[in-house]
């Protein structure tokens, strides 16, 4: 009976371990603002077992970062599959648990062929559609306005890939290649 409990506990541990997300920590050489990551055989998003992959890039750049661009190329694992949601977030310190969204979640096209490309960029400028300026005692003007938000300078950038739904009958999506570029000022 005791062996049976140990066997069930071991089986539960194996199942829970296989359902965890995958995390890769990637150190970019000091001063570089571009990095290309080539996916490995384990960079596969699979429903119910490994539906989340985090790629964490550590950059050491002295300039302010005003724009971040990420390109991901997806391949089918075996047959056509669903979409992937990607969020880019940043944080300053390794042991700080809270990330700040740099690029909010965006969903890729369905991965129905190999080489499906998704490109995300953070916009360094925010356009307010209109605001009123007082140009005289009884006159105001309605004009568009560009302003630059706070810089997007972080040391750690997390790219979180999450498999979305099951709108196709494939066996998963492979992250084939990731390119990340930081634009400095």
N, C-alpha and C. Protein backbone atom coordinates (compact mmCIF):
# COMPACT_ATOMS: atom_id res chain seq x y z
N UNK A 1 0.82 -1.19 0.00
CA UNK A 1 0.00 0.00 0.00
C UNK A 1 0.87 1.25 0.00
N UNK A 2 1.93 1.20 0.78
CA UNK A 2 2.84 2.34 0.86
C UNK A 2 3.48 2.61 -0.50
N UNK A 3 3.86 1.55 -1.22
CA UNK A 3 4.45 1.70 -2.54
C UNK A 3 3.45 2.32 -3.52
N UNK A 4 2.20 1.98 -3.36
CA UNK A 4 1.16 2.54 -4.24
C UNK A 4 1.03 4.04 -4.04
N UNK A 5 1.09 4.51 -2.78
CA UNK A 5 1.03 5.95 -2.51
C UNK A 5 2.25 6.68 -3.09
N UNK A 6 3.40 6.06 -2.93
CA UNK A 6 4.63 6.65 -3.49
C UNK A 6 4.54 6.71 -5.01
N UNK A 7 4.01 5.67 -5.63
CA UNK A 7 3.84 5.65 -7.08
C UNK A 7 2.89 6.75 -7.53
N UNK A 8 1.75 6.93 -6.84
CA UNK A 8 0.80 7.99 -7.19
C UNK A 8 1.42 9.38 -6.99
N UNK A 9 2.17 9.56 -5.92
CA UNK A 9 2.82 10.84 -5.68
C UNK A 9 3.85 11.14 -6.77
N UNK A 10 4.63 10.15 -7.16
CA UNK A 10 5.61 10.33 -8.23
C UNK A 10 4.91 10.64 -9.55
N UNK A 11 3.83 9.97 -9.85
CA UNK A 11 3.06 10.21 -11.07
C UNK A 11 2.51 11.64 -11.08
N UNK A 12 1.98 12.11 -9.95
CA UNK A 12 1.45 13.48 -9.85
C UNK A 12 2.56 14.51 -10.03
N UNK A 13 3.74 14.22 -9.49
CA UNK A 13 4.88 15.12 -9.63
C UNK A 13 5.32 15.22 -11.09
N UNK A 14 5.36 14.11 -11.79
CA UNK A 14 5.75 14.10 -13.20
C UNK A 14 4.74 14.88 -14.04
N UNK A 15 3.47 14.70 -13.78
CA UNK A 15 2.44 15.43 -14.54
C UNK A 15 2.53 16.92 -14.27
N UNK A 16 2.69 17.31 -13.02
CA UNK A 16 2.76 18.74 -12.71
C UNK A 16 4.02 19.37 -13.28
N UNK A 17 5.12 18.62 -13.30
CA UNK A 17 6.37 19.17 -13.86
C UNK A 17 6.25 19.36 -15.36
N UNK A 18 5.55 18.46 -16.03
CA UNK A 18 5.43 18.59 -17.48
C UNK A 18 4.46 19.70 -17.88
N UNK A 19 3.63 20.17 -16.98
CA UNK A 19 2.66 21.21 -17.30
C UNK A 19 3.20 22.61 -17.01
N UNK A 20 4.43 22.71 -16.62
CA UNK A 20 4.99 24.01 -16.26
C UNK A 20 5.41 24.77 -17.51
N UNK A 21 5.55 26.08 -17.32
CA UNK A 21 6.03 26.89 -18.43
C UNK A 21 7.54 26.72 -18.57
N UNK A 22 8.02 27.08 -19.75
CA UNK A 22 9.45 27.01 -20.04
C UNK A 22 10.01 28.42 -19.94
N UNK A 23 11.15 28.59 -19.28
CA UNK A 23 11.79 29.90 -19.17
C UNK A 23 13.25 29.78 -19.58
N UNK A 24 13.66 30.67 -20.50
CA UNK A 24 15.05 30.74 -20.92
C UNK A 24 15.58 32.11 -20.55
N UNK A 25 16.74 32.17 -19.90
CA UNK A 25 17.42 33.41 -19.59
C UNK A 25 18.57 33.59 -20.58
N UNK A 26 18.56 34.72 -21.29
CA UNK A 26 19.53 34.96 -22.36
C UNK A 26 20.29 36.24 -22.03
N UNK A 27 21.61 36.14 -21.90
CA UNK A 27 22.44 37.31 -21.64
C UNK A 27 22.96 37.85 -22.97
N UNK A 28 22.63 39.10 -23.25
CA UNK A 28 23.07 39.75 -24.48
C UNK A 28 24.42 40.41 -24.19
N UNK A 29 25.40 40.28 -25.08
CA UNK A 29 26.71 40.91 -24.82
C UNK A 29 26.59 42.40 -24.51
N UNK A 30 27.41 42.86 -23.60
CA UNK A 30 27.35 44.24 -23.12
C UNK A 30 27.43 45.24 -24.27
N UNK A 31 26.55 46.24 -24.24
CA UNK A 31 26.52 47.30 -25.24
C UNK A 31 25.71 46.98 -26.47
N UNK A 32 25.36 45.70 -26.69
CA UNK A 32 24.55 45.34 -27.86
C UNK A 32 23.10 45.74 -27.66
N UNK A 33 22.47 46.22 -28.73
CA UNK A 33 21.05 46.58 -28.67
C UNK A 33 20.22 45.68 -29.57
N UNK A 34 20.83 44.63 -30.13
CA UNK A 34 20.13 43.68 -31.00
C UNK A 34 20.58 42.28 -30.62
N UNK A 35 19.62 41.35 -30.63
CA UNK A 35 19.96 39.95 -30.40
C UNK A 35 19.02 39.06 -31.19
N UNK A 36 19.59 38.01 -31.76
CA UNK A 36 18.81 37.01 -32.50
C UNK A 36 18.90 35.69 -31.75
N UNK A 37 17.75 35.13 -31.43
CA UNK A 37 17.67 33.86 -30.71
C UNK A 37 17.08 32.82 -31.66
N UNK A 38 17.76 31.72 -31.83
CA UNK A 38 17.26 30.63 -32.66
C UNK A 38 16.65 29.59 -31.73
N UNK A 39 15.39 29.26 -31.98
CA UNK A 39 14.68 28.32 -31.13
C UNK A 39 15.31 26.94 -31.12
N UNK A 40 15.10 26.22 -30.04
CA UNK A 40 15.60 24.86 -29.90
C UNK A 40 14.44 23.89 -30.06
N UNK A 41 14.74 22.62 -29.99
CA UNK A 41 13.68 21.60 -30.14
C UNK A 41 12.69 21.64 -28.98
N UNK A 42 13.06 22.28 -27.86
CA UNK A 42 12.14 22.37 -26.72
C UNK A 42 11.29 23.63 -26.74
N UNK A 43 11.51 24.52 -27.69
CA UNK A 43 10.73 25.77 -27.77
C UNK A 43 9.43 25.54 -28.53
N UNK A 44 8.61 24.67 -27.98
CA UNK A 44 7.35 24.29 -28.61
C UNK A 44 6.21 24.54 -27.62
N UNK A 45 5.22 25.27 -28.08
CA UNK A 45 4.02 25.51 -27.28
C UNK A 45 3.03 24.38 -27.56
N UNK A 46 2.68 23.64 -26.51
CA UNK A 46 1.82 22.48 -26.64
C UNK A 46 0.64 22.64 -25.71
N UNK A 47 -0.60 22.44 -26.20
CA UNK A 47 -1.76 22.59 -25.32
C UNK A 47 -1.68 21.68 -24.10
N UNK A 48 -2.04 22.21 -22.96
CA UNK A 48 -2.17 21.52 -21.67
C UNK A 48 -0.87 21.06 -21.03
N UNK A 49 0.24 21.00 -21.75
CA UNK A 49 1.48 20.55 -21.13
C UNK A 49 2.55 21.64 -21.05
N UNK A 50 2.70 22.43 -22.10
CA UNK A 50 3.70 23.51 -22.12
C UNK A 50 3.15 24.64 -22.97
N UNK A 51 2.13 25.30 -22.44
CA UNK A 51 1.45 26.32 -23.24
C UNK A 51 2.03 27.72 -23.07
N UNK A 52 3.11 27.88 -22.28
CA UNK A 52 3.73 29.19 -22.06
C UNK A 52 5.24 29.05 -22.12
N UNK A 53 5.87 29.96 -22.88
CA UNK A 53 7.33 30.04 -22.93
C UNK A 53 7.72 31.48 -22.65
N UNK A 54 8.64 31.67 -21.72
CA UNK A 54 9.20 32.99 -21.42
C UNK A 54 10.65 33.03 -21.90
N UNK A 55 10.97 34.03 -22.72
CA UNK A 55 12.35 34.31 -23.08
C UNK A 55 12.71 35.60 -22.37
N UNK A 56 13.71 35.56 -21.49
CA UNK A 56 14.10 36.75 -20.73
C UNK A 56 15.48 37.17 -21.20
N UNK A 57 15.53 38.35 -21.84
CA UNK A 57 16.77 38.90 -22.37
C UNK A 57 17.33 39.91 -21.37
N UNK A 58 18.61 39.74 -21.03
CA UNK A 58 19.29 40.67 -20.13
C UNK A 58 20.20 41.55 -20.97
N UNK A 59 19.87 42.85 -21.03
CA UNK A 59 20.65 43.83 -21.78
C UNK A 59 21.45 44.70 -20.81
N UNK A 60 22.67 45.08 -21.20
CA UNK A 60 23.50 46.03 -20.46
C UNK A 60 23.84 47.18 -21.41
N UNK A 61 22.96 48.18 -21.45
CA UNK A 61 23.07 49.31 -22.37
C UNK A 61 23.05 50.59 -21.54
N UNK A 62 23.94 51.53 -21.85
CA UNK A 62 24.03 52.77 -21.08
C UNK A 62 23.07 53.86 -21.55
N UNK A 63 22.58 53.79 -22.78
CA UNK A 63 21.70 54.83 -23.31
C UNK A 63 20.25 54.59 -22.90
N UNK A 64 19.44 55.65 -23.03
CA UNK A 64 18.00 55.51 -22.81
C UNK A 64 17.39 54.75 -23.98
N UNK A 65 16.49 53.87 -23.68
CA UNK A 65 15.81 53.09 -24.71
C UNK A 65 14.45 53.72 -24.93
N UNK A 66 14.17 54.10 -26.18
CA UNK A 66 12.90 54.74 -26.45
C UNK A 66 11.96 53.86 -27.27
N UNK A 67 12.47 52.79 -27.86
CA UNK A 67 11.61 51.92 -28.67
C UNK A 67 12.13 50.50 -28.60
N UNK A 68 11.21 49.54 -28.58
CA UNK A 68 11.55 48.12 -28.57
C UNK A 68 10.82 47.46 -29.73
N UNK A 69 11.52 46.64 -30.50
CA UNK A 69 10.90 45.89 -31.61
C UNK A 69 11.24 44.41 -31.44
N UNK A 70 10.24 43.57 -31.70
CA UNK A 70 10.41 42.12 -31.58
C UNK A 70 9.81 41.45 -32.81
N UNK A 71 10.59 40.56 -33.42
CA UNK A 71 10.08 39.75 -34.53
C UNK A 71 10.18 38.29 -34.13
N UNK A 72 9.08 37.57 -34.32
CA UNK A 72 9.06 36.14 -34.02
C UNK A 72 8.63 35.39 -35.27
N UNK A 73 9.31 34.28 -35.52
CA UNK A 73 8.92 33.40 -36.63
C UNK A 73 8.46 32.08 -36.03
N UNK A 74 7.22 31.70 -36.36
CA UNK A 74 6.62 30.47 -35.84
C UNK A 74 6.59 29.40 -36.94
N UNK A 75 6.73 28.16 -36.52
CA UNK A 75 6.55 27.02 -37.41
C UNK A 75 5.51 26.09 -36.79
N UNK A 76 4.91 25.27 -37.65
CA UNK A 76 4.00 24.23 -37.15
C UNK A 76 4.85 23.15 -36.49
N UNK A 77 4.28 22.51 -35.50
CA UNK A 77 4.99 21.37 -34.91
C UNK A 77 4.85 20.18 -35.84
N UNK A 78 3.63 19.86 -36.23
CA UNK A 78 3.40 18.80 -37.23
C UNK A 78 2.35 19.25 -38.25
N UNK A 79 1.25 19.80 -37.76
CA UNK A 79 0.18 20.27 -38.66
C UNK A 79 -0.26 21.66 -38.23
N UNK A 80 -1.14 22.27 -39.00
CA UNK A 80 -1.63 23.62 -38.72
C UNK A 80 -2.16 23.71 -37.29
N UNK A 81 -1.94 24.85 -36.67
CA UNK A 81 -2.38 25.03 -35.29
C UNK A 81 -2.93 26.42 -35.09
N UNK A 82 -3.08 26.82 -33.87
CA UNK A 82 -3.78 28.02 -33.46
C UNK A 82 -2.87 29.25 -33.43
N UNK A 83 -3.30 30.28 -32.75
CA UNK A 83 -2.55 31.53 -32.62
C UNK A 83 -1.73 31.54 -31.33
N UNK A 84 -0.81 32.51 -31.26
CA UNK A 84 0.05 32.68 -30.08
C UNK A 84 -0.06 34.13 -29.64
N UNK A 85 -0.26 34.35 -28.34
CA UNK A 85 -0.27 35.70 -27.78
C UNK A 85 1.13 36.00 -27.27
N UNK A 86 1.62 37.21 -27.59
CA UNK A 86 2.94 37.63 -27.15
C UNK A 86 2.83 38.94 -26.39
N UNK A 87 3.45 39.00 -25.22
CA UNK A 87 3.54 40.22 -24.43
C UNK A 87 5.01 40.49 -24.15
N UNK A 88 5.44 41.76 -24.30
CA UNK A 88 6.80 42.16 -23.98
C UNK A 88 6.74 43.03 -22.73
N UNK A 89 7.51 42.65 -21.72
CA UNK A 89 7.52 43.38 -20.45
C UNK A 89 8.95 43.59 -20.00
N UNK A 90 9.16 44.57 -19.11
CA UNK A 90 10.50 44.87 -18.64
C UNK A 90 10.55 45.03 -17.14
N UNK A 91 11.76 44.86 -16.59
CA UNK A 91 12.01 45.13 -15.17
C UNK A 91 13.47 45.52 -15.02
N UNK A 92 13.80 46.17 -13.93
CA UNK A 92 15.15 46.66 -13.69
C UNK A 92 16.06 45.64 -13.03
N UNK A 93 15.57 44.94 -12.02
CA UNK A 93 16.42 44.11 -11.19
C UNK A 93 16.03 42.65 -11.27
N UNK A 94 17.02 41.77 -11.20
CA UNK A 94 16.81 40.34 -11.33
C UNK A 94 15.80 39.80 -10.31
N UNK A 95 15.94 40.24 -9.05
CA UNK A 95 15.09 39.68 -8.00
C UNK A 95 13.80 40.46 -7.78
N UNK A 96 13.49 41.39 -8.67
CA UNK A 96 12.22 42.09 -8.60
C UNK A 96 11.19 41.30 -9.39
N UNK A 97 10.11 40.92 -8.75
CA UNK A 97 9.16 40.00 -9.37
C UNK A 97 8.19 40.67 -10.34
N UNK A 98 8.02 41.98 -10.24
CA UNK A 98 6.99 42.65 -11.03
C UNK A 98 7.55 43.20 -12.34
N UNK A 99 6.96 42.77 -13.44
CA UNK A 99 7.31 43.30 -14.76
C UNK A 99 6.32 44.39 -15.15
N UNK A 100 6.77 45.33 -15.99
CA UNK A 100 5.95 46.41 -16.52
C UNK A 100 5.76 46.14 -18.02
N UNK A 101 4.52 46.19 -18.50
CA UNK A 101 4.29 45.96 -19.92
C UNK A 101 4.93 47.05 -20.76
N UNK A 102 5.73 46.63 -21.73
CA UNK A 102 6.33 47.53 -22.71
C UNK A 102 5.48 47.49 -23.97
N UNK A 103 5.07 46.30 -24.36
CA UNK A 103 4.15 46.08 -25.49
C UNK A 103 3.07 45.15 -24.97
N UNK A 104 1.83 45.63 -24.97
CA UNK A 104 0.71 44.81 -24.50
C UNK A 104 0.51 43.57 -25.36
N UNK A 105 -0.24 42.64 -24.85
CA UNK A 105 -0.46 41.36 -25.52
C UNK A 105 -1.05 41.56 -26.91
N UNK A 106 -0.46 40.87 -27.88
CA UNK A 106 -0.94 40.87 -29.26
C UNK A 106 -0.94 39.43 -29.75
N UNK A 107 -1.93 39.09 -30.56
CA UNK A 107 -2.10 37.72 -31.02
C UNK A 107 -1.59 37.59 -32.45
N UNK A 108 -0.86 36.53 -32.71
CA UNK A 108 -0.32 36.26 -34.04
C UNK A 108 -1.42 35.77 -34.97
N UNK A 109 -1.09 35.64 -36.22
CA UNK A 109 -1.97 34.94 -37.16
C UNK A 109 -1.95 33.46 -36.79
N UNK A 110 -2.96 32.72 -37.22
CA UNK A 110 -2.96 31.28 -36.99
C UNK A 110 -1.75 30.67 -37.70
N UNK A 111 -1.10 29.75 -37.02
CA UNK A 111 0.09 29.11 -37.58
C UNK A 111 -0.37 27.93 -38.42
N UNK A 112 -0.73 28.22 -39.67
CA UNK A 112 -1.24 27.19 -40.58
C UNK A 112 -0.17 26.73 -41.57
N UNK A 113 0.98 27.43 -41.58
CA UNK A 113 2.14 27.05 -42.40
C UNK A 113 3.39 27.35 -41.57
N UNK A 114 4.52 26.97 -42.09
CA UNK A 114 5.78 27.36 -41.46
C UNK A 114 6.08 28.81 -41.80
N UNK A 115 6.95 29.42 -41.03
CA UNK A 115 7.43 30.78 -41.26
C UNK A 115 6.34 31.85 -41.14
N UNK A 116 5.45 31.69 -40.17
CA UNK A 116 4.48 32.74 -39.86
C UNK A 116 5.20 33.80 -39.02
N UNK A 117 5.16 35.04 -39.48
CA UNK A 117 5.91 36.13 -38.86
C UNK A 117 4.98 37.01 -38.03
N UNK A 118 5.43 37.40 -36.85
CA UNK A 118 4.74 38.38 -36.01
C UNK A 118 5.76 39.44 -35.61
N UNK A 119 5.45 40.71 -35.89
CA UNK A 119 6.33 41.81 -35.52
C UNK A 119 5.57 42.74 -34.58
N UNK A 120 6.17 43.04 -33.44
CA UNK A 120 5.59 43.97 -32.48
C UNK A 120 6.60 45.08 -32.23
N UNK A 121 6.11 46.32 -32.14
CA UNK A 121 6.98 47.44 -31.78
C UNK A 121 6.26 48.32 -30.77
N UNK A 122 7.04 48.90 -29.90
CA UNK A 122 6.49 49.89 -28.99
C UNK A 122 6.60 51.23 -29.70
N UNK A 123 5.59 52.05 -29.59
CA UNK A 123 5.59 53.35 -30.25
C UNK A 123 6.24 54.37 -29.32
N UNK A 124 7.32 55.02 -29.77
CA UNK A 124 7.98 55.98 -28.88
C UNK A 124 7.19 57.28 -28.72
N UNK A 125 6.18 57.47 -29.53
CA UNK A 125 5.38 58.69 -29.45
C UNK A 125 3.92 58.34 -29.30
N UNK A 126 3.23 59.09 -28.49
CA UNK A 126 1.80 58.91 -28.30
C UNK A 126 1.10 60.10 -28.90
N UNK A 127 0.12 59.85 -29.74
CA UNK A 127 -0.63 60.94 -30.36
C UNK A 127 -1.97 61.06 -29.66
N UNK A 128 -2.22 62.22 -29.10
CA UNK A 128 -3.53 62.51 -28.55
C UNK A 128 -4.36 63.05 -29.71
N UNK A 129 -5.53 62.51 -29.92
CA UNK A 129 -6.32 62.88 -31.08
C UNK A 129 -6.58 64.39 -31.15
N UNK A 130 -6.91 64.99 -30.04
CA UNK A 130 -7.15 66.43 -30.05
C UNK A 130 -7.13 66.96 -28.63
N UNK A 131 -6.76 68.20 -28.52
CA UNK A 131 -6.88 68.89 -27.25
C UNK A 131 -7.06 70.37 -27.56
N UNK A 132 -7.56 71.10 -26.62
CA UNK A 132 -7.86 72.50 -26.85
C UNK A 132 -6.75 73.38 -26.28
N UNK A 133 -6.33 74.35 -27.07
CA UNK A 133 -5.35 75.32 -26.60
C UNK A 133 -6.00 76.69 -26.65
N UNK A 134 -5.76 77.47 -25.66
CA UNK A 134 -6.30 78.82 -25.59
C UNK A 134 -5.37 79.76 -26.34
N UNK A 135 -5.83 80.29 -27.49
CA UNK A 135 -4.99 81.18 -28.29
C UNK A 135 -5.40 82.64 -28.18
N UNK A 136 -6.39 82.89 -27.42
CA UNK A 136 -6.84 84.27 -27.25
C UNK A 136 -7.93 84.33 -26.20
N UNK A 137 -8.42 85.51 -25.95
CA UNK A 137 -9.42 85.69 -24.90
C UNK A 137 -10.68 84.91 -25.18
N UNK A 138 -11.14 84.84 -26.42
CA UNK A 138 -12.39 84.16 -26.74
C UNK A 138 -12.20 83.09 -27.83
N UNK A 139 -10.99 82.59 -28.02
CA UNK A 139 -10.73 81.66 -29.11
C UNK A 139 -9.91 80.48 -28.59
N UNK A 140 -10.19 79.29 -29.10
CA UNK A 140 -9.37 78.12 -28.78
C UNK A 140 -9.23 77.30 -30.05
N UNK A 141 -8.19 76.48 -30.10
CA UNK A 141 -7.91 75.67 -31.28
C UNK A 141 -7.90 74.21 -30.87
N UNK A 142 -8.49 73.37 -31.71
CA UNK A 142 -8.53 71.93 -31.49
C UNK A 142 -7.45 71.31 -32.37
N UNK A 143 -6.34 70.83 -31.78
CA UNK A 143 -5.23 70.30 -32.57
C UNK A 143 -4.74 68.97 -32.01
N UNK A 144 -4.14 68.18 -32.88
CA UNK A 144 -3.51 66.93 -32.45
C UNK A 144 -2.18 67.26 -31.78
N UNK A 145 -1.73 66.38 -30.91
CA UNK A 145 -0.52 66.66 -30.14
C UNK A 145 0.29 65.37 -29.99
N UNK A 146 1.56 65.42 -30.32
CA UNK A 146 2.49 64.31 -30.08
C UNK A 146 3.28 64.59 -28.81
N UNK A 147 3.44 63.60 -28.00
CA UNK A 147 4.36 63.74 -26.88
C UNK A 147 5.09 62.43 -26.66
N UNK A 148 6.26 62.51 -26.10
CA UNK A 148 7.11 61.35 -25.87
C UNK A 148 6.87 60.84 -24.46
N UNK A 149 6.50 59.57 -24.30
CA UNK A 149 6.30 59.02 -22.96
C UNK A 149 7.65 58.79 -22.26
N UNK A 150 7.59 58.27 -21.05
CA UNK A 150 8.81 57.92 -20.34
C UNK A 150 9.60 56.91 -21.15
N UNK A 151 10.91 56.90 -20.96
CA UNK A 151 11.73 55.95 -21.72
C UNK A 151 11.36 54.52 -21.32
N UNK A 152 11.77 53.57 -22.13
CA UNK A 152 11.47 52.17 -21.90
C UNK A 152 12.74 51.42 -21.53
N UNK A 153 13.57 52.05 -20.72
CA UNK A 153 14.86 51.49 -20.34
C UNK A 153 14.70 50.50 -19.19
N UNK A 154 14.95 49.25 -19.50
CA UNK A 154 14.96 48.20 -18.50
C UNK A 154 16.19 47.34 -18.75
N UNK A 155 16.60 46.58 -17.77
CA UNK A 155 17.71 45.66 -17.95
C UNK A 155 17.23 44.30 -18.40
N UNK A 156 16.02 43.94 -18.01
CA UNK A 156 15.46 42.63 -18.36
C UNK A 156 14.19 42.84 -19.17
N UNK A 157 14.11 42.15 -20.31
CA UNK A 157 12.91 42.18 -21.15
C UNK A 157 12.40 40.75 -21.26
N UNK A 158 11.15 40.57 -20.83
CA UNK A 158 10.54 39.24 -20.89
C UNK A 158 9.58 39.18 -22.07
N UNK A 159 9.79 38.21 -22.95
CA UNK A 159 8.87 37.93 -24.04
C UNK A 159 8.08 36.70 -23.62
N UNK A 160 6.79 36.89 -23.36
CA UNK A 160 5.94 35.78 -22.90
C UNK A 160 5.05 35.32 -24.04
N UNK A 161 5.23 34.07 -24.44
CA UNK A 161 4.45 33.45 -25.51
C UNK A 161 3.44 32.50 -24.87
N UNK A 162 2.16 32.67 -25.21
CA UNK A 162 1.11 31.81 -24.66
C UNK A 162 0.27 31.28 -25.81
N UNK A 163 0.15 29.97 -25.89
CA UNK A 163 -0.67 29.34 -26.91
C UNK A 163 -2.13 29.69 -26.65
N UNK A 164 -2.83 30.13 -27.67
CA UNK A 164 -4.22 30.57 -27.52
C UNK A 164 -5.17 29.51 -28.07
N UNK A 165 -6.08 29.07 -27.24
CA UNK A 165 -7.17 28.21 -27.69
C UNK A 165 -6.74 26.98 -28.46
N UNK A 166 -7.70 26.43 -29.16
CA UNK A 166 -7.42 25.24 -29.99
C UNK A 166 -8.28 25.31 -31.25
N UNK A 167 -8.19 26.44 -31.96
CA UNK A 167 -9.03 26.61 -33.14
C UNK A 167 -8.51 25.86 -34.36
N UNK A 168 -7.47 25.12 -34.24
CA UNK A 168 -7.00 24.20 -35.27
C UNK A 168 -6.61 22.91 -34.55
N UNK A 169 -6.37 21.88 -35.30
CA UNK A 169 -6.20 20.56 -34.69
C UNK A 169 -4.74 20.12 -34.64
N UNK A 170 -3.82 21.06 -34.67
CA UNK A 170 -2.41 20.71 -34.66
C UNK A 170 -1.93 20.22 -33.31
N UNK A 171 -0.65 19.95 -33.26
CA UNK A 171 -0.04 19.42 -32.04
C UNK A 171 0.86 20.43 -31.35
N UNK A 172 0.77 21.70 -31.75
CA UNK A 172 1.56 22.73 -31.10
C UNK A 172 2.23 23.65 -32.11
N UNK A 173 2.85 24.69 -31.57
CA UNK A 173 3.52 25.71 -32.38
C UNK A 173 4.97 25.81 -31.91
N UNK A 174 5.90 25.82 -32.87
CA UNK A 174 7.32 25.93 -32.55
C UNK A 174 7.76 27.38 -32.72
N UNK A 175 8.48 27.90 -31.73
CA UNK A 175 9.11 29.21 -31.86
C UNK A 175 10.43 28.96 -32.57
N UNK A 176 10.49 29.34 -33.83
CA UNK A 176 11.63 29.04 -34.68
C UNK A 176 12.76 30.06 -34.51
N UNK A 177 12.38 31.35 -34.41
CA UNK A 177 13.40 32.39 -34.32
C UNK A 177 12.80 33.64 -33.70
N UNK A 178 13.60 34.33 -32.88
CA UNK A 178 13.18 35.58 -32.24
C UNK A 178 14.30 36.60 -32.43
N UNK A 179 13.92 37.81 -32.86
CA UNK A 179 14.87 38.92 -32.94
C UNK A 179 14.31 40.04 -32.08
N UNK A 180 15.18 40.64 -31.27
CA UNK A 180 14.78 41.78 -30.44
C UNK A 180 15.76 42.92 -30.69
N UNK A 181 15.22 44.12 -30.87
CA UNK A 181 16.03 45.30 -31.13
C UNK A 181 15.58 46.42 -30.21
N UNK A 182 16.56 47.03 -29.52
CA UNK A 182 16.31 48.20 -28.67
C UNK A 182 16.83 49.42 -29.41
N UNK A 183 15.98 50.45 -29.52
CA UNK A 183 16.39 51.69 -30.17
C UNK A 183 16.70 52.71 -29.06
N UNK A 184 17.90 53.26 -29.11
CA UNK A 184 18.35 54.16 -28.06
C UNK A 184 18.39 55.60 -28.57
N UNK A 185 18.45 56.54 -27.62
CA UNK A 185 18.58 57.94 -28.01
C UNK A 185 19.72 58.57 -27.28
